PDB file of N, CA and C in Angstrom:
ATOM      1  N   MET A   1      65.054  -7.730 -40.665  1.00  0.00           N
ATOM      2  CA  MET A   1      64.813  -8.842 -41.055  1.00  0.00           C
ATOM      3  C   MET A   1      65.271  -9.968 -42.258  1.00  0.00           C
ATOM      4  N   GLU A   2      66.464 -10.566 -41.881  1.00  0.00           N
ATOM      5  CA  GLU A   2      66.285 -11.493 -43.035  1.00  0.00           C
ATOM      6  C   GLU A   2      65.692 -12.195 -43.705  1.00  0.00           C
ATOM      7  N   TYR A   3      65.289 -12.693 -45.156  1.00  0.00           N
ATOM      8  CA  TYR A   3      64.334 -13.279 -46.134  1.00  0.00           C
ATOM      9  C   TYR A   3      65.718 -14.874 -45.752  1.00  0.00           C
ATOM     10  N   LYS A   4      65.037 -15.396 -45.965  1.00  0.00           N
ATOM     11  CA  LYS A   4      65.925 -17.332 -45.149  1.00  0.00           C
ATOM     12  C   LYS A   4      64.801 -18.014 -45.921  1.00  0.00           C
ATOM     13  N   GLU A   5      65.472 -18.597 -47.382  1.00  0.00           N
ATOM     14  CA  GLU A   5      65.210 -18.669 -48.566  1.00  0.00           C
ATOM     15  C   GLU A   5      64.609 -21.255 -47.761  1.00  0.00           C
ATOM     16  N   ASP A   6      63.115 -21.312 -48.180  1.00  0.00           N
ATOM     17  CA  ASP A   6      62.720 -22.046 -48.091  1.00  0.00           C
ATOM     18  C   ASP A   6      63.489 -24.014 -48.445  1.00  0.00           C
ATOM     19  N   PRO A   7      64.251 -24.185 -47.745  1.00  0.00           N
ATOM     20  CA  PRO A   7      64.667 -25.354 -48.247  1.00  0.00           C
ATOM     21  C   PRO A   7      64.467 -26.404 -49.862  1.00  0.00           C
ATOM     22  N   ASN A   8      62.570 -26.206 -49.328  1.00  0.00           N
ATOM     23  CA  ASN A   8      62.225 -26.603 -50.628  1.00  0.00           C
ATOM     24  C   ASN A   8      61.326 -26.048 -51.757  1.00  0.00           C
ATOM     25  N   GLY A   9      61.517 -24.939 -51.604  1.00  0.00           N
ATOM     26  CA  GLY A   9      61.882 -23.620 -52.333  1.00  0.00           C
ATOM     27  C   GLY A   9      59.641 -23.493 -53.121  1.00  0.00           C
ATOM     28  N   ASN A  10      59.213 -23.977 -51.948  1.00  0.00           N
ATOM     29  CA  ASN A  10      57.670 -23.515 -51.912  1.00  0.00           C
ATOM     30  C   ASN A  10      57.476 -22.940 -51.592  1.00  0.00           C
ATOM     31  N   LEU A  11      57.438 -22.045 -50.984  1.00  0.00           N
ATOM     32  CA  LEU A  11      56.878 -20.704 -50.019  1.00  0.00           C
ATOM     33  C   LEU A  11      57.642 -19.535 -49.849  1.00  0.00           C
ATOM     34  N   ARG A  12      57.709 -18.686 -49.905  1.00  0.00           N
ATOM     35  CA  ARG A  12      58.318 -17.099 -50.256  1.00  0.00           C
ATOM     36  C   ARG A  12      57.158 -16.322 -49.638  1.00  0.00           C
ATOM     37  N   ILE A  13      57.320 -15.664 -48.674  1.00  0.00           N
ATOM     38  CA  ILE A  13      56.825 -14.460 -48.120  1.00  0.00           C
ATOM     39  C   ILE A  13      57.676 -12.957 -48.034  1.00  0.00           C
ATOM     40  N   ALA A  14      57.416 -12.280 -48.952  1.00  0.00           N
ATOM     41  CA  ALA A  14      57.383 -11.005 -49.312  1.00  0.00           C
ATOM     42  C   ALA A  14      56.153 -10.211 -48.186  1.00  0.00           C
ATOM     43  N   TYR A  15      57.238  -9.351 -48.277  1.00  0.00           N
ATOM     44  CA  TYR A  15      57.467  -8.153 -47.174  1.00  0.00           C
ATOM     45  C   TYR A  15      57.790  -6.643 -47.044  1.00  0.00           C
ATOM     46  N   GLN A  16      57.217  -5.508 -46.544  1.00  0.00           N
ATOM     47  CA  GLN A  16      57.902  -4.437 -46.867  1.00  0.00           C
ATOM     48  C   GLN A  16      59.134  -4.482 -45.964  1.00  0.00           C
ATOM     49  N   ILE A  17      60.587  -3.819 -46.845  1.00  0.00           N
ATOM     50  CA  ILE A  17      61.397  -3.868 -45.579  1.00  0.00           C
ATOM     51  C   ILE A  17      62.264  -1.956 -46.128  1.00  0.00           C
ATOM     52  N   LYS A  18      63.080  -1.832 -45.143  1.00  0.00           N
ATOM     53  CA  LYS A  18      63.449  -0.391 -45.192  1.00  0.00           C
ATOM     54  C   LYS A  18      64.026  -0.260 -46.607  1.00  0.00           C
ATOM     55  N   GLU A  19      64.000   0.765 -47.083  1.00  0.00           N
ATOM     56  CA  GLU A  19      64.225   1.295 -48.390  1.00  0.00           C
ATOM     57  C   GLU A  19      65.041   2.727 -48.735  1.00  0.00           C
ATOM     58  N   LYS A  20      66.012   3.265 -49.076  1.00  0.00           N
ATOM     59  CA  LYS A  20      66.543   4.632 -49.463  1.00  0.00           C
ATOM     60  C   LYS A  20      66.090   5.122 -50.614  1.00  0.00           C
ATOM     61  N   ASN A  21      65.050   5.950 -51.004  1.00  0.00           N
ATOM     62  CA  ASN A  21      64.858   6.529 -52.201  1.00  0.00           C
ATOM     63  C   ASN A  21      66.226   7.496 -52.862  1.00  0.00           C
ATOM     64  N   SER A  22      65.888   7.776 -53.937  1.00  0.00           N
ATOM     65  CA  SER A  22      66.618   8.721 -54.604  1.00  0.00           C
ATOM     66  C   SER A  22      67.400   9.690 -53.916  1.00  0.00           C
ATOM     67  N   LYS A  23      67.344  10.150 -53.175  1.00  0.00           N
ATOM     68  CA  LYS A  23      67.864  10.865 -51.874  1.00  0.00           C
ATOM     69  C   LYS A  23      68.875  10.290 -50.631  1.00  0.00           C
ATOM     70  N   GLU A  24      68.598   9.277 -51.027  1.00  0.00           N
ATOM     71  CA  GLU A  24      69.471   8.440 -50.030  1.00  0.00           C
ATOM     72  C   GLU A  24      68.934   8.670 -48.549  1.00  0.00           C
ATOM     73  N   GLU A  25      67.355   8.551 -48.378  1.00  0.00           N
ATOM     74  CA  GLU A  25      66.188   8.815 -47.519  1.00  0.00           C
ATOM     75  C   GLU A  25      66.094   7.536 -46.813  1.00  0.00           C
ATOM     76  N   SER A  26      66.668   7.104 -45.791  1.00  0.00           N
ATOM     77  CA  SER A  26      66.134   5.480 -45.465  1.00  0.00           C
ATOM     78  C   SER A  26      64.690   5.376 -44.403  1.00  0.00           C
ATOM     79  N   TYR A  27      63.856   4.368 -45.171  1.00  0.00           N
ATOM     80  CA  TYR A  27      62.573   4.737 -44.765  1.00  0.00           C
ATOM     81  C   TYR A  27      61.346   3.147 -44.526  1.00  0.00           C
ATOM     82  N   GLN A  28      60.828   2.849 -43.727  1.00  0.00           N
ATOM     83  CA  GLN A  28      60.126   1.857 -43.883  1.00  0.00           C
ATOM     84  C   GLN A  28      58.384   1.566 -44.191  1.00  0.00           C
ATOM     85  N   ALA A  29      57.748   1.378 -45.038  1.00  0.00           N
ATOM     86  CA  ALA A  29      56.634   1.527 -45.428  1.00  0.00           C
ATOM     87  C   ALA A  29      56.110   0.571 -44.728  1.00  0.00           C
ATOM     88  N   THR A  30      54.276   0.491 -44.476  1.00  0.00           N
ATOM     89  CA  THR A  30      53.754  -0.373 -44.245  1.00  0.00           C
ATOM     90  C   THR A  30      52.270  -0.560 -45.820  1.00  0.00           C
ATOM     91  N   SER A  31      52.784  -0.359 -46.887  1.00  0.00           N
ATOM     92  CA  SER A  31      51.925  -0.296 -47.973  1.00  0.00           C
ATOM     93  C   SER A  31      52.860  -0.855 -49.209  1.00  0.00           C
ATOM     94  N   PHE A  32      52.189  -1.546 -50.154  1.00  0.00           N
ATOM     95  CA  PHE A  32      52.776  -0.707 -51.330  1.00  0.00           C
ATOM     96  C   PHE A  32      52.372   0.204 -52.002  1.00  0.00           C
ATOM     97  N   GLU A  33      51.475   1.128 -51.068  1.00  0.00           N
ATOM     98  CA  GLU A  33      51.596   2.801 -52.049  1.00  0.00           C
ATOM     99  C   GLU A  33      52.306   3.550 -51.504  1.00  0.00           C
ATOM    100  N   ASP A  34      52.551   2.839 -49.720  1.00  0.00           N
ATOM    101  CA  ASP A  34      53.627   4.410 -48.936  1.00  0.00           C
ATOM    102  C   ASP A  34      54.768   3.880 -49.559  1.00  0.00           C
ATOM    103  N   SER A  35      55.477   2.144 -49.823  1.00  0.00           N
ATOM    104  CA  SER A  35      56.809   1.985 -50.526  1.00  0.00           C
ATOM    105  C   SER A  35      56.904   2.713 -51.726  1.00  0.00           C
ATOM    106  N   PHE A  36      56.403   2.436 -52.361  1.00  0.00           N
ATOM    107  CA  PHE A  36      55.940   2.464 -53.914  1.00  0.00           C
ATOM    108  C   PHE A  36      56.323   4.723 -53.936  1.00  0.00           C
ATOM    109  N   ILE A  37      55.224   5.006 -53.368  1.00  0.00           N
ATOM    110  CA  ILE A  37      55.647   6.307 -53.065  1.00  0.00           C
ATOM    111  C   ILE A  37      56.594   7.197 -52.699  1.00  0.00           C
ATOM    112  N   HIS A  38      57.433   5.768 -51.185  1.00  0.00           N
ATOM    113  CA  HIS A  38      58.671   6.372 -50.978  1.00  0.00           C
ATOM    114  C   HIS A  38      59.795   6.849 -52.323  1.00  0.00           C
ATOM    115  N   LEU A  39      59.328   5.778 -52.634  1.00  0.00           N
ATOM    116  CA  LEU A  39      60.948   5.548 -53.795  1.00  0.00           C
ATOM    117  C   LEU A  39      60.574   6.373 -54.865  1.00  0.00           C
ATOM    118  N   ASN A  40      59.451   6.957 -55.199  1.00  0.00           N
ATOM    119  CA  ASN A  40      59.343   7.381 -56.602  1.00  0.00           C
ATOM    120  C   ASN A  40      58.486   8.682 -56.291  1.00  0.00           C
ATOM    121  N   LEU A  41      58.927   9.642 -55.082  1.00  0.00           N
ATOM    122  CA  LEU A  41      57.855  10.689 -55.410  1.00  0.00           C
ATOM    123  C   LEU A  41      57.620  11.986 -56.158  1.00  0.00           C
ATOM    124  N   GLU A  42      59.020  12.143 -56.368  1.00  0.00           N
ATOM    125  CA  GLU A  42      59.359  13.134 -57.656  1.00  0.00           C
ATOM    126  C   GLU A  42      58.051  12.058 -58.939  1.00  0.00           C
ATOM    127  N   PHE A  43      58.472  10.699 -59.217  1.00  0.00           N
ATOM    128  CA  PHE A  43      57.132  10.652 -60.483  1.00  0.00           C
ATOM    129  C   PHE A  43      55.510  10.307 -60.049  1.00  0.00           C
ATOM    130  N   VAL A  44      54.874  10.289 -58.480  1.00  0.00           N
ATOM    131  CA  VAL A  44      54.107  10.462 -58.274  1.00  0.00           C
ATOM    132  C   VAL A  44      53.543  11.773 -58.653  1.00  0.00           C
ATOM    133  N   GLN A  45      54.143  12.753 -57.723  1.00  0.00           N
ATOM    134  CA  GLN A  45      53.953  14.073 -58.130  1.00  0.00           C
ATOM    135  C   GLN A  45      53.422  14.141 -59.225  1.00  0.00           C
ATOM    136  N   LYS A  46      54.785  14.105 -60.669  1.00  0.00           N
ATOM    137  CA  LYS A  46      54.625  13.948 -61.713  1.00  0.00           C
ATOM    138  C   LYS A  46      52.810  13.789 -62.653  1.00  0.00           C
ATOM    139  N   LEU A  47      52.642  12.517 -62.244  1.00  0.00           N
ATOM    140  CA  LEU A  47      51.774  11.731 -62.541  1.00  0.00           C
ATOM    141  C   LEU A  47      50.479  12.567 -62.048  1.00  0.00           C
ATOM    142  N   ALA A  48      50.399  13.067 -60.293  1.00  0.00           N
ATOM    143  CA  ALA A  48      49.235  13.609 -60.354  1.00  0.00           C
ATOM    144  C   ALA A  48      48.771  14.733 -60.637  1.00  0.00           C
ATOM    145  N   ASP A  49      50.090  15.615 -61.171  1.00  0.00           N
ATOM    146  CA  ASP A  49      49.847  17.183 -62.382  1.00  0.00           C
ATOM    147  C   ASP A  49      49.005  16.405 -63.392  1.00  0.00           C
ATOM    148  N   GLU A  50      50.118  15.237 -64.044  1.00  0.00           N
ATOM    149  CA  GLU A  50      49.486  15.314 -65.343  1.00  0.00           C
ATOM    150  C   GLU A  50      48.591  14.490 -65.219  1.00  0.00           C
ATOM    151  N   HIS A  51      47.198  13.127 -64.591  1.00  0.00           N
ATOM    152  CA  HIS A  51      46.735  12.937 -65.079  1.00  0.00           C
ATOM    153  C   HIS A  51      46.042  12.814 -63.576  1.00  0.00           C
ATOM    154  N   GLY A  52      46.153  12.665 -62.796  1.00  0.00           N
ATOM    155  CA  GLY A  52      45.474  13.374 -61.425  1.00  0.00           C
ATOM    156  C   GLY A  52      44.588  11.702 -60.667  1.00  0.00           C
ATOM    157  N   ARG A  53      43.327  12.361 -60.947  1.00  0.00           N
ATOM    158  CA  ARG A  53      42.033  11.147 -60.522  1.00  0.00           C
ATOM    159  C   ARG A  53      42.233   9.637 -61.540  1.00  0.00           C
ATOM    160  N   ASN A  54      42.611  10.378 -62.599  1.00  0.00           N
ATOM    161  CA  ASN A  54      42.687   9.146 -63.511  1.00  0.00           C
ATOM    162  C   ASN A  54      43.727   8.049 -63.013  1.00  0.00           C
ATOM    163  N   ALA A  55      44.845   8.879 -62.797  1.00  0.00           N
ATOM    164  CA  ALA A  55      45.925   7.789 -61.737  1.00  0.00           C
ATOM    165  C   ALA A  55      45.437   7.548 -60.235  1.00  0.00           C
ATOM    166  N   GLY A  56      44.540   7.455 -60.320  1.00  0.00           N
ATOM    167  CA  GLY A  56      43.713   6.958 -59.060  1.00  0.00           C
ATOM    168  C   GLY A  56      44.193   8.010 -57.624  1.00  0.00           C
ATOM    169  N   LEU A  57      44.598   9.442 -58.597  1.00  0.00           N
ATOM    170  CA  LEU A  57      45.409  10.078 -56.895  1.00  0.00           C
ATOM    171  C   LEU A  57      44.026  10.799 -56.915  1.00  0.00           C
ATOM    172  N   LYS A  58      43.604  11.454 -55.852  1.00  0.00           N
ATOM    173  CA  LYS A  58      42.499  12.321 -55.631  1.00  0.00           C
ATOM    174  C   LYS A  58      42.241  13.291 -55.036  1.00  0.00           C
ATOM    175  N   LEU A  59      44.257  13.526 -53.795  1.00  0.00           N
ATOM    176  CA  LEU A  59      43.604  14.682 -53.654  1.00  0.00           C
ATOM    177  C   LEU A  59      45.255  14.998 -53.505  1.00  0.00           C
ATOM    178  N   VAL A  60      45.484  15.337 -54.981  1.00  0.00           N
ATOM    179  CA  VAL A  60      46.727  15.794 -55.561  1.00  0.00           C
ATOM    180  C   VAL A  60      47.393  17.592 -55.132  1.00  0.00           C
ATOM    181  N   LYS A  61      46.409  17.943 -54.623  1.00  0.00           N
ATOM    182  CA  LYS A  61      47.146  19.353 -54.255  1.00  0.00           C
ATOM    183  C   LYS A  61      47.927  19.375 -52.876  1.00  0.00           C
ATOM    184  N   LYS A  62      48.196  17.805 -51.709  1.00  0.00           N
ATOM    185  CA  LYS A  62      48.703  17.093 -50.818  1.00  0.00           C
ATOM    186  C   LYS A  62      49.917  16.716 -51.492  1.00  0.00           C
ATOM    187  N   LEU A  63      50.638  15.585 -52.817  1.00  0.00           N
ATOM    188  CA  LEU A  63      51.619  16.084 -52.460  1.00  0.00           C
ATOM    189  C   LEU A  63      51.878  16.532 -53.785  1.00  0.00           C
ATOM    190  N   LYS A  64      51.791  17.997 -53.409  1.00  0.00           N
ATOM    191  CA  LYS A  64      52.499  19.434 -53.560  1.00  0.00           C
ATOM    192  C   LYS A  64      53.565  19.648 -52.333  1.00  0.00           C
ATOM    193  N   GLU A  65      52.884  19.628 -51.476  1.00  0.00           N
ATOM    194  CA  GLU A  65      53.292  19.989 -50.131  1.00  0.00           C
ATOM    195  C   GLU A  65      54.580  18.623 -49.091  1.00  0.00           C
ATOM    196  N   THR A  66      55.236  18.663 -49.290  1.00  0.00           N
ATOM    197  CA  THR A  66      56.772  18.126 -49.148  1.00  0.00           C
ATOM    198  C   THR A  66      56.621  17.638 -47.248  1.00  0.00           C
ATOM    199  N   LYS A  67      55.544  18.048 -46.541  1.00  0.00           N
ATOM    200  CA  LYS A  67      56.309  17.792 -45.020  1.00  0.00           C
ATOM    201  C   LYS A  67      54.876  16.930 -44.999  1.00  0.00           C
ATOM    202  N   PHE A  68      54.301  16.515 -45.696  1.00  0.00           N
ATOM    203  CA  PHE A  68      53.800  14.757 -45.684  1.00  0.00           C
ATOM    204  C   PHE A  68      54.845  13.940 -45.937  1.00  0.00           C
ATOM    205  N   THR A  69      54.103  12.826 -44.754  1.00  0.00           N
ATOM    206  CA  THR A  69      55.434  11.619 -45.541  1.00  0.00           C
ATOM    207  C   THR A  69      54.267  10.482 -46.142  1.00  0.00           C
ATOM    208  N   PRO A  70      55.297   9.974 -46.829  1.00  0.00           N
ATOM    209  CA  PRO A  70      55.016   9.022 -48.003  1.00  0.00           C
ATOM    210  C   PRO A  70      53.597   8.169 -47.148  1.00  0.00           C
ATOM    211  N   TYR A  71      53.406   7.985 -45.856  1.00  0.00           N
ATOM    212  CA  TYR A  71      52.523   6.531 -45.118  1.00  0.00           C
ATOM    213  C   TYR A  71      51.223   7.824 -45.709  1.00  0.00           C
ATOM    214  N   GLU A  72      51.424   9.235 -45.026  1.00  0.00           N
ATOM    215  CA  GLU A  72      50.244   9.820 -44.936  1.00  0.00           C
ATOM    216  C   GLU A  72      49.782  10.445 -46.854  1.00  0.00           C
ATOM    217  N   LEU A  73      50.557  10.281 -47.818  1.00  0.00           N
ATOM    218  CA  LEU A  73      50.072  10.395 -48.813  1.00  0.00           C
ATOM    219  C   LEU A  73      49.131   9.400 -49.264  1.00  0.00           C
ATOM    220  N   SER A  74      50.483   8.136 -49.251  1.00  0.00           N
ATOM    221  CA  SER A  74      49.436   7.142 -49.285  1.00  0.00           C
ATOM    222  C   SER A  74      47.617   6.317 -48.747  1.00  0.00           C
ATOM    223  N   SER A  75      47.668   7.520 -47.288  1.00  0.00           N
ATOM    224  CA  SER A  75      46.269   7.026 -46.997  1.00  0.00           C
ATOM    225  C   SER A  75      45.727   8.233 -47.407  1.00  0.00           C
ATOM    226  N   ASN A  76      46.295   8.916 -47.724  1.00  0.00           N
ATOM    227  CA  ASN A  76      45.109   9.731 -48.011  1.00  0.00           C
ATOM    228  C   ASN A  76      44.343  10.842 -49.653  1.00  0.00           C
ATOM    229  N   CYS A  77      45.384  10.293 -50.029  1.00  0.00           N
ATOM    230  CA  CYS A  77      45.399  10.267 -52.153  1.00  0.00           C
ATOM    231  C   CYS A  77      45.166   9.544 -52.835  1.00  0.00           C
ATOM    232  N   ILE A  78      45.165   8.394 -52.439  1.00  0.00           N
ATOM    233  CA  ILE A  78      44.189   6.507 -53.327  1.00  0.00           C
ATOM    234  C   ILE A  78      42.741   6.527 -53.301  1.00  0.00           C
ATOM    235  N   ASP A  79      42.337   6.941 -54.185  1.00  0.00           N
ATOM    236  CA  ASP A  79      41.325   6.110 -54.825  1.00  0.00           C
ATOM    237  C   ASP A  79      40.898   4.934 -54.015  1.00  0.00           C
ATOM    238  N   SER A  80      41.902   4.308 -54.414  1.00  0.00           N
ATOM    239  CA  SER A  80      41.811   2.820 -54.393  1.00  0.00           C
ATOM    240  C   SER A  80      43.410   2.119 -54.907  1.00  0.00           C
ATOM    241  N   LYS A  81      43.744   0.742 -54.426  1.00  0.00           N
ATOM    242  CA  LYS A  81      44.707  -0.320 -54.774  1.00  0.00           C
ATOM    243  C   LYS A  81      44.673  -0.354 -55.327  1.00  0.00           C
ATOM    244  N   THR A  82      43.858  -0.522 -56.874  1.00  0.00           N
ATOM    245  CA  THR A  82      43.618  -0.700 -57.278  1.00  0.00           C
ATOM    246  C   THR A  82      43.748   0.117 -58.867  1.00  0.00           C
ATOM    247  N   ASN A  83      42.891   1.054 -58.583  1.00  0.00           N
ATOM    248  CA  ASN A  83      42.777   2.484 -59.949  1.00  0.00           C
ATOM    249  C   ASN A  83      45.090   3.123 -59.490  1.00  0.00           C
ATOM    250  N   PHE A  84      45.097   2.892 -58.107  1.00  0.00           N
ATOM    251  CA  PHE A  84      46.252   3.568 -58.366  1.00  0.00           C
ATOM    252  C   PHE A  84      47.888   2.827 -58.609  1.00  0.00           C
ATOM    253  N   ALA A  85      47.297   1.026 -58.706  1.00  0.00           N
ATOM    254  CA  ALA A  85      48.384   0.196 -59.922  1.00  0.00           C
ATOM    255  C   ALA A  85      48.127   0.591 -61.142  1.00  0.00           C
ATOM    256  N   ILE A  86      46.531   0.618 -61.097  1.00  0.00           N
ATOM    257  CA  ILE A  86      46.755   0.968 -63.061  1.00  0.00           C
ATOM    258  C   ILE A  86      46.710   1.532 -63.907  1.00  0.00           C
ATOM    259  N   GLY A  87      46.812   2.867 -62.565  1.00  0.00           N
ATOM    260  CA  GLY A  87      47.507   4.354 -62.675  1.00  0.00           C
ATOM    261  C   GLY A  87      48.859   4.782 -63.204  1.00  0.00           C
ATOM    262  N   ILE A  88      49.165   3.816 -61.944  1.00  0.00           N
ATOM    263  CA  ILE A  88      50.883   3.604 -62.752  1.00  0.00           C
ATOM    264  C   ILE A  88      51.395   2.607 -63.649  1.00  0.00           C
ATOM    265  N   LEU A  89      51.023   1.620 -64.187  1.00  0.00           N
ATOM    266  CA  LEU A  89      50.634   1.626 -65.943  1.00  0.00           C
ATOM    267  C   LEU A  89      50.230   1.993 -66.684  1.00  0.00           C
ATOM    268  N   MET A  90      49.265   2.295 -66.506  1.00  0.00           N
ATOM    269  CA  MET A  90      48.889   3.313 -67.958  1.00  0.00           C
ATOM    270  C   MET A  90      49.688   4.871 -68.060  1.00  0.00           C
ATOM    271  N   TYR A  91      49.964   4.875 -66.732  1.00  0.00           N
ATOM    272  CA  TYR A  91      50.748   6.260 -67.299  1.00  0.00           C
ATOM    273  C   TYR A  91      51.993   6.272 -67.075  1.00  0.00           C
ATOM    274  N   GLY A  92      52.716   5.825 -66.752  1.00  0.00           N
ATOM    275  CA  GLY A  92      54.315   5.419 -65.614  1.00  0.00           C
ATOM    276  C   GLY A  92      55.276   5.071 -66.977  1.00  0.00           C
ATOM    277  N   ASN A  93      54.387   4.857 -68.037  1.00  0.00           N
ATOM    278  CA  ASN A  93      55.386   3.959 -68.890  1.00  0.00           C
ATOM    279  C   ASN A  93      57.347   3.845 -68.078  1.00  0.00           C
ATOM    280  N   ASN A  94      56.717   2.834 -67.274  1.00  0.00           N
ATOM    281  CA  ASN A  94      57.813   2.807 -66.552  1.00  0.00           C
ATOM    282  C   ASN A  94      59.349   2.841 -65.571  1.00  0.00           C
ATOM    283  N   ARG A  95      58.888   4.283 -65.801  1.00  0.00           N
ATOM    284  CA  ARG A  95      59.961   5.019 -64.925  1.00  0.00           C
ATOM    285  C   ARG A  95      59.876   5.353 -63.316  1.00  0.00           C
ATOM    286  N   TRP A  96      59.606   4.115 -63.060  1.00  0.00           N
ATOM    287  CA  TRP A  96      59.752   3.966 -61.436  1.00  0.00           C
ATOM    288  C   TRP A  96      60.661   3.138 -61.042  1.00  0.00           C
ATOM    289  N   GLN A  97      60.908   3.329 -59.649  1.00  0.00           N
ATOM    290  CA  GLN A  97      61.484   2.031 -58.878  1.00  0.00           C
ATOM    291  C   GLN A  97      60.438   1.415 -58.538  1.00  0.00           C
ATOM    292  N   ILE A  98      61.037   0.349 -58.557  1.00  0.00           N
ATOM    293  CA  ILE A  98      59.926  -1.279 -57.710  1.00  0.00           C
ATOM    294  C   ILE A  98      60.557  -1.676 -56.294  1.00  0.00           C
ATOM    295  N   PRO A  99      59.513  -1.858 -55.678  1.00  0.00           N
ATOM    296  CA  PRO A  99      59.690  -2.016 -54.086  1.00  0.00           C
ATOM    297  C   PRO A  99      60.577  -3.313 -54.042  1.00  0.00           C
ATOM    298  N   LYS A 100      61.887  -3.250 -53.318  1.00  0.00           N
ATOM    299  CA  LYS A 100      62.273  -4.261 -53.106  1.00  0.00           C
ATOM    300  C   LYS A 100      62.109  -6.220 -52.978  1.00  0.00           C
ATOM    301  N   TYR A 101      60.812  -5.652 -51.560  1.00  0.00           N
ATOM    302  CA  TYR A 101      59.908  -6.876 -51.825  1.00  0.00           C
ATOM    303  C   TYR A 101      59.641  -7.069 -52.427  1.00  0.00           C
ATOM    304  N   ILE A 102      58.685  -6.373 -53.547  1.00  0.00           N
ATOM    305  CA  ILE A 102      57.897  -6.806 -54.584  1.00  0.00           C
ATOM    306  C   ILE A 102      59.487  -7.803 -56.047  1.00  0.00           C
ATOM    307  N   GLU A 103      60.480  -6.890 -56.145  1.00  0.00           N
ATOM    308  CA  GLU A 103      61.078  -7.509 -57.166  1.00  0.00           C
ATOM    309  C   GLU A 103      61.526  -8.944 -56.679  1.00  0.00           C
ATOM    310  N   GLU A 104      62.012  -8.712 -55.483  1.00  0.00           N
ATOM    311  CA  GLU A 104      62.249  -9.954 -54.944  1.00  0.00           C
ATOM    312  C   GLU A 104      61.370 -11.279 -55.065  1.00  0.00           C
ATOM    313  N   GLY A 105      59.711 -11.429 -54.811  1.00  0.00           N
ATOM    314  CA  GLY A 105      58.793 -11.581 -55.114  1.00  0.00           C
ATOM    315  C   GLY A 105      58.796 -12.379 -56.303  1.00  0.00           C
ATOM    316  N   LEU A 106      58.794 -11.247 -57.044  1.00  0.00           N
ATOM    317  CA  LEU A 106      58.861 -11.766 -58.876  1.00  0.00           C
ATOM    318  C   LEU A 106      59.617 -12.438 -59.055  1.00  0.00           C
ATOM    319  N   GLU A 107      60.939 -12.027 -58.936  1.00  0.00           N
ATOM    320  CA  GLU A 107      62.384 -13.336 -58.701  1.00  0.00           C
ATOM    321  C   GLU A 107      62.049 -14.469 -58.429  1.00  0.00           C
ATOM    322  N   TRP A 108      61.437 -14.526 -57.236  1.00  0.00           N
ATOM    323  CA  TRP A 108      61.331 -15.971 -56.745  1.00  0.00           C
ATOM    324  C   TRP A 108      60.069 -16.568 -57.631  1.00  0.00           C
ATOM    325  N   ILE A 109      59.195 -15.984 -58.461  1.00  0.00           N
ATOM    326  CA  ILE A 109      58.295 -16.285 -58.787  1.00  0.00           C
ATOM    327  C   ILE A 109      59.108 -17.023 -59.947  1.00  0.00           C
ATOM    328  N   ARG A 110      59.412 -16.036 -60.762  1.00  0.00           N
ATOM    329  CA  ARG A 110      60.348 -16.124 -62.270  1.00  0.00           C
ATOM    330  C   ARG A 110      61.427 -17.724 -62.226  1.00  0.00           C
ATOM    331  N   LYS A 111      61.833 -17.997 -60.852  1.00  0.00           N
ATOM    332  CA  LYS A 111      63.498 -19.352 -60.752  1.00  0.00           C
ATOM    333  C   LYS A 111      62.476 -20.250 -60.930  1.00  0.00           C
TER     334      LYS A 111
END
């Protein structure tokens, strides 16, 4: 579904959309964590190796197994949404890709 701008500019609905990661794999996420992991799998694996639970990732071993989908990883490895987001910000040094729906929403707010 394509976003249609509200003519009054007072409303913006942002939701996960199908995106391609750096390996050109297209994926439809169901949550922020799911989308973020799909777009930044190598970053999340490295974050888990270096900071583990401190970065909101508790099942670090699963991150090394590539047979898991981003959805399965997001469902099983996150302590909480807050810890995951804080871990990304604290340990990430902005070396990650932002999900498109988040980027579009922030751009709309900025305007």
